[in-house]
Structure formats: C-alpha cells, structure tokens
Amino acid sequence: VANVERKFPTEWMNDAHNGVTEQAIRYLRPLIQGEVSVPKQNGLPAHMVL
C-alpha cells in the first residue's frame, strides 16, 4: 500500500541482530525476486515520451 510506513518486526531479526530469520526471508523473497524486463531500442532503454 502506497504512503504507508510498515516497520520491520523485531522478532524477524536473529538473536545477534545482524541478520534475519527464515520467517523474514519467506515473507520478503516474493517481494524482491525476479528481474524487470526493460524495453530497448537500438540497444538502449526505450523511454516513454509524454
């Protein structure tokens, strides 16, 4: 949801507070995996003209 701050749950941090738990990884993985396909023209990114 846009314009809504959602804080990272402290229970998703490991005991040393230098990493995350498996539960956090399961939640975050679908949000960050994959690649965005950028349309190109003549080998350069094609930008939309307004």
PDB file of N, CA and C in Angstrom:
ATOM      1  N   VAL A   1       0.856  -1.174   0.000  1.00  0.00           N
ATOM      2  CA  VAL A   1       0.000   0.000   0.000  1.00  0.00           C
ATOM      3  C   VAL A   1       0.898   1.232   0.000  1.00  0.00           C
ATOM      4  N   ALA A   2       0.617   2.141  -0.878  1.00  0.00           N
ATOM      5  CA  ALA A   2       1.437   3.339  -1.003  1.00  0.00           C
ATOM      6  C   ALA A   2       1.226   4.279   0.179  1.00  0.00           C
ATOM      7  N   ASN A   3       2.261   5.026   0.494  1.00  0.00           N
ATOM      8  CA  ASN A   3       2.225   6.049   1.541  1.00  0.00           C
ATOM      9  C   ASN A   3       1.896   5.502   2.926  1.00  0.00           C
ATOM     10  N   VAL A   4       2.259   4.269   3.174  1.00  0.00           N
ATOM     11  CA  VAL A   4       2.052   3.677   4.492  1.00  0.00           C
ATOM     12  C   VAL A   4       3.380   3.108   4.964  1.00  0.00           C
ATOM     13  N   GLU A   5       3.815   3.516   6.137  1.00  0.00           N
ATOM     14  CA  GLU A   5       5.056   3.004   6.701  1.00  0.00           C
ATOM     15  C   GLU A   5       4.764   1.716   7.445  1.00  0.00           C
ATOM     16  N   ARG A   6       5.536   0.692   7.120  1.00  0.00           N
ATOM     17  CA  ARG A   6       5.392  -0.580   7.834  1.00  0.00           C
ATOM     18  C   ARG A   6       6.753  -0.927   8.416  1.00  0.00           C
ATOM     19  N   LYS A   7       6.833  -0.991   9.710  1.00  0.00           N
ATOM     20  CA  LYS A   7       8.103  -1.254  10.389  1.00  0.00           C
ATOM     21  C   LYS A   7       8.449  -2.730  10.321  1.00  0.00           C
ATOM     22  N   PHE A   8       9.748  -3.023  10.308  1.00  0.00           N
ATOM     23  CA  PHE A   8      10.242  -4.393  10.271  1.00  0.00           C
ATOM     24  C   PHE A   8      10.080  -4.997  11.659  1.00  0.00           C
ATOM     25  N   PRO A   9       9.361  -6.123  11.780  1.00  0.00           N
ATOM     26  CA  PRO A   9       9.150  -6.727  13.102  1.00  0.00           C
ATOM     27  C   PRO A   9      10.464  -7.174  13.742  1.00  0.00           C
ATOM     28  N   THR A  10      10.683  -6.810  14.988  1.00  0.00           N
ATOM     29  CA  THR A  10      11.933  -7.184  15.661  1.00  0.00           C
ATOM     30  C   THR A  10      12.052  -8.690  15.840  1.00  0.00           C
ATOM     31  N   GLU A  11      10.930  -9.410  15.873  1.00  0.00           N
ATOM     32  CA  GLU A  11      11.024 -10.868  16.002  1.00  0.00           C
ATOM     33  C   GLU A  11      11.541 -11.527  14.725  1.00  0.00           C
ATOM     34  N   TRP A  12      11.642 -10.771  13.638  1.00  0.00           N
ATOM     35  CA  TRP A  12      12.228 -11.301  12.403  1.00  0.00           C
ATOM     36  C   TRP A  12      13.748 -11.132  12.390  1.00  0.00           C
ATOM     37  N   MET A  13      14.307 -10.464  13.379  1.00  0.00           N
ATOM     38  CA  MET A  13      15.759 -10.316  13.480  1.00  0.00           C
ATOM     39  C   MET A  13      16.321 -11.484  14.276  1.00  0.00           C
ATOM     40  N   ASN A  14      17.548 -11.907  13.920  1.00  0.00           N
ATOM     41  CA  ASN A  14      18.144 -13.016  14.673  1.00  0.00           C
ATOM     42  C   ASN A  14      18.590 -12.526  16.052  1.00  0.00           C
ATOM     43  N   ASP A  15      19.046 -13.459  16.880  1.00  0.00           N
ATOM     44  CA  ASP A  15      19.413 -13.117  18.263  1.00  0.00           C
ATOM     45  C   ASP A  15      20.547 -12.103  18.346  1.00  0.00           C
ATOM     46  N   ALA A  16      21.470 -12.135  17.382  1.00  0.00           N
ATOM     47  CA  ALA A  16      22.598 -11.197  17.389  1.00  0.00           C
ATOM     48  C   ALA A  16      22.248  -9.862  16.732  1.00  0.00           C
ATOM     49  N   HIS A  17      21.041  -9.732  16.183  1.00  0.00           N
ATOM     50  CA  HIS A  17      20.585  -8.518  15.497  1.00  0.00           C
ATOM     51  C   HIS A  17      21.489  -8.124  14.331  1.00  0.00           C
ATOM     52  N   ASN A  18      22.067  -9.128  13.666  1.00  0.00           N
ATOM     53  CA  ASN A  18      22.896  -8.844  12.493  1.00  0.00           C
ATOM     54  C   ASN A  18      22.425  -9.630  11.277  1.00  0.00           C
ATOM     55  N   GLY A  19      21.221 -10.151  11.338  1.00  0.00           N
ATOM     56  CA  GLY A  19      20.648 -10.913  10.236  1.00  0.00           C
ATOM     57  C   GLY A  19      19.160 -11.098  10.468  1.00  0.00           C
ATOM     58  N   VAL A  20      18.538 -11.859   9.578  1.00  0.00           N
ATOM     59  CA  VAL A  20      17.098 -12.076   9.690  1.00  0.00           C
ATOM     60  C   VAL A  20      16.792 -13.558   9.826  1.00  0.00           C
ATOM     61  N   THR A  21      15.594 -13.855  10.288  1.00  0.00           N
ATOM     62  CA  THR A  21      15.171 -15.237  10.482  1.00  0.00           C
ATOM     63  C   THR A  21      14.622 -15.805   9.174  1.00  0.00           C
ATOM     64  N   GLU A  22      14.423 -17.100   9.163  1.00  0.00           N
ATOM     65  CA  GLU A  22      13.850 -17.770   7.992  1.00  0.00           C
ATOM     66  C   GLU A  22      12.436 -17.262   7.720  1.00  0.00           C
ATOM     67  N   GLN A  23      11.709 -16.919   8.757  1.00  0.00           N
ATOM     68  CA  GLN A  23      10.355 -16.376   8.589  1.00  0.00           C
ATOM     69  C   GLN A  23      10.398 -15.069   7.797  1.00  0.00           C
ATOM     70  N   ALA A  24      11.360 -14.212   8.084  1.00  0.00           N
ATOM     71  CA  ALA A  24      11.504 -12.954   7.352  1.00  0.00           C
ATOM     72  C   ALA A  24      11.859 -13.219   5.901  1.00  0.00           C
ATOM     73  N   ILE A  25      12.735 -14.167   5.656  1.00  0.00           N
ATOM     74  CA  ILE A  25      13.136 -14.496   4.289  1.00  0.00           C
ATOM     75  C   ILE A  25      11.941 -15.010   3.493  1.00  0.00           C
ATOM     76  N   ARG A  26      11.119 -15.863   4.104  1.00  0.00           N
ATOM     77  CA  ARG A  26       9.929 -16.377   3.411  1.00  0.00           C
ATOM     78  C   ARG A  26       8.968 -15.245   3.052  1.00  0.00           C
ATOM     79  N   TYR A  27       8.855 -14.241   3.909  1.00  0.00           N
ATOM     80  CA  TYR A  27       7.970 -13.109   3.640  1.00  0.00           C
ATOM     81  C   TYR A  27       8.558 -12.196   2.552  1.00  0.00           C
ATOM     82  N   LEU A  28       9.858 -11.930   2.625  1.00  0.00           N
ATOM     83  CA  LEU A  28      10.480 -10.956   1.735  1.00  0.00           C
ATOM     84  C   LEU A  28      10.805 -11.487   0.346  1.00  0.00           C
ATOM     85  N   ARG A  29      11.117 -12.766   0.225  1.00  0.00           N
ATOM     86  CA  ARG A  29      11.570 -13.324  -1.055  1.00  0.00           C
ATOM     87  C   ARG A  29      10.626 -13.012  -2.222  1.00  0.00           C
ATOM     88  N   PRO A  30       9.315 -13.221  -2.110  1.00  0.00           N
ATOM     89  CA  PRO A  30       8.446 -12.911  -3.253  1.00  0.00           C
ATOM     90  C   PRO A  30       8.422 -11.425  -3.618  1.00  0.00           C
ATOM     91  N   LEU A  31       8.753 -10.567  -2.672  1.00  0.00           N
ATOM     92  CA  LEU A  31       8.728  -9.129  -2.933  1.00  0.00           C
ATOM     93  C   LEU A  31       9.949  -8.646  -3.700  1.00  0.00           C
ATOM     94  N   ILE A  32      11.068  -9.391  -3.625  1.00  0.00           N
ATOM     95  CA  ILE A  32      12.317  -8.906  -4.213  1.00  0.00           C
ATOM     96  C   ILE A  32      12.886  -9.804  -5.291  1.00  0.00           C
ATOM     97  N   GLN A  33      12.310 -10.983  -5.520  1.00  0.00           N
ATOM     98  CA  GLN A  33      12.898 -11.890  -6.504  1.00  0.00           C
ATOM     99  C   GLN A  33      12.462 -11.518  -7.912  1.00  0.00           C
ATOM    100  N   GLY A  34      13.232 -11.966  -8.876  1.00  0.00           N
ATOM    101  CA  GLY A  34      12.905 -11.740 -10.272  1.00  0.00           C
ATOM    102  C   GLY A  34      13.624 -10.533 -10.839  1.00  0.00           C
ATOM    103  N   GLU A  35      13.413 -10.340 -12.124  1.00  0.00           N
ATOM    104  CA  GLU A  35      14.037  -9.227 -12.825  1.00  0.00           C
ATOM    105  C   GLU A  35      12.978  -8.465 -13.601  1.00  0.00           C
ATOM    106  N   VAL A  36      13.195  -7.186 -13.756  1.00  0.00           N
ATOM    107  CA  VAL A  36      12.301  -6.351 -14.542  1.00  0.00           C
ATOM    108  C   VAL A  36      12.827  -6.316 -15.964  1.00  0.00           C
ATOM    109  N   SER A  37      11.962  -6.562 -16.926  1.00  0.00           N
ATOM    110  CA  SER A  37      12.345  -6.510 -18.332  1.00  0.00           C
ATOM    111  C   SER A  37      12.199  -5.074 -18.824  1.00  0.00           C
ATOM    112  N   VAL A  38      13.297  -4.505 -19.317  1.00  0.00           N
ATOM    113  CA  VAL A  38      13.295  -3.126 -19.792  1.00  0.00           C
ATOM    114  C   VAL A  38      13.248  -3.143 -21.316  1.00  0.00           C
ATOM    115  N   PRO A  39      12.231  -2.530 -21.934  1.00  0.00           N
ATOM    116  CA  PRO A  39      12.186  -2.482 -23.399  1.00  0.00           C
ATOM    117  C   PRO A  39      13.350  -1.653 -23.939  1.00  0.00           C
ATOM    118  N   LYS A  40      13.918  -2.112 -25.061  1.00  0.00           N
ATOM    119  CA  LYS A  40      15.080  -1.423 -25.635  1.00  0.00           C
ATOM    120  C   LYS A  40      14.854  -1.102 -27.102  1.00  0.00           C
ATOM    121  N   GLN A  41      15.495  -0.022 -27.540  1.00  0.00           N
ATOM    122  CA  GLN A  41      15.528   0.381 -28.938  1.00  0.00           C
ATOM    123  C   GLN A  41      16.976   0.620 -29.301  1.00  0.00           C
ATOM    124  N   ASN A  42      17.461  -0.063 -30.314  1.00  0.00           N
ATOM    125  CA  ASN A  42      18.852   0.069 -30.758  1.00  0.00           C
ATOM    126  C   ASN A  42      19.830  -0.159 -29.613  1.00  0.00           C
ATOM    127  N   GLY A  43      19.515  -1.092 -28.723  1.00  0.00           N
ATOM    128  CA  GLY A  43      20.409  -1.447 -27.627  1.00  0.00           C
ATOM    129  C   GLY A  43      20.354  -0.523 -26.425  1.00  0.00           C
ATOM    130  N   LEU A  44      19.493   0.485 -26.455  1.00  0.00           N
ATOM    131  CA  LEU A  44      19.367   1.433 -25.344  1.00  0.00           C
ATOM    132  C   LEU A  44      17.965   1.337 -24.750  1.00  0.00           C
ATOM    133  N   PRO A  45      17.819   1.643 -23.467  1.00  0.00           N
ATOM    134  CA  PRO A  45      16.483   1.604 -22.871  1.00  0.00           C
ATOM    135  C   PRO A  45      15.535   2.567 -23.586  1.00  0.00           C
ATOM    136  N   ALA A  46      14.342   2.085 -23.908  1.00  0.00           N
ATOM    137  CA  ALA A  46      13.333   2.918 -24.572  1.00  0.00           C
ATOM    138  C   ALA A  46      12.510   3.619 -23.500  1.00  0.00           C
ATOM    139  N   HIS A  47      12.470   4.944 -23.566  1.00  0.00           N
ATOM    140  CA  HIS A  47      11.714   5.729 -22.589  1.00  0.00           C
ATOM    141  C   HIS A  47      10.415   6.211 -23.212  1.00  0.00           C
ATOM    142  N   MET A  48       9.408   6.315 -22.387  1.00  0.00           N
ATOM    143  CA  MET A  48       8.113   6.777 -22.856  1.00  0.00           C
ATOM    144  C   MET A  48       8.149   8.294 -23.015  1.00  0.00           C
ATOM    145  N   VAL A  49       7.607   8.770 -24.113  1.00  0.00           N
ATOM    146  CA  VAL A  49       7.539  10.211 -24.357  1.00  0.00           C
ATOM    147  C   VAL A  49       6.127  10.667 -24.041  1.00  0.00           C
ATOM    148  N   LEU A  50       6.031  11.655 -23.176  1.00  0.00           N
ATOM    149  CA  LEU A  50       4.709  12.178 -22.807  1.00  0.00           C
ATOM    150  C   LEU A  50       4.332  13.334 -23.689  1.00  0.00           C
TER     151      LEU A  50
END
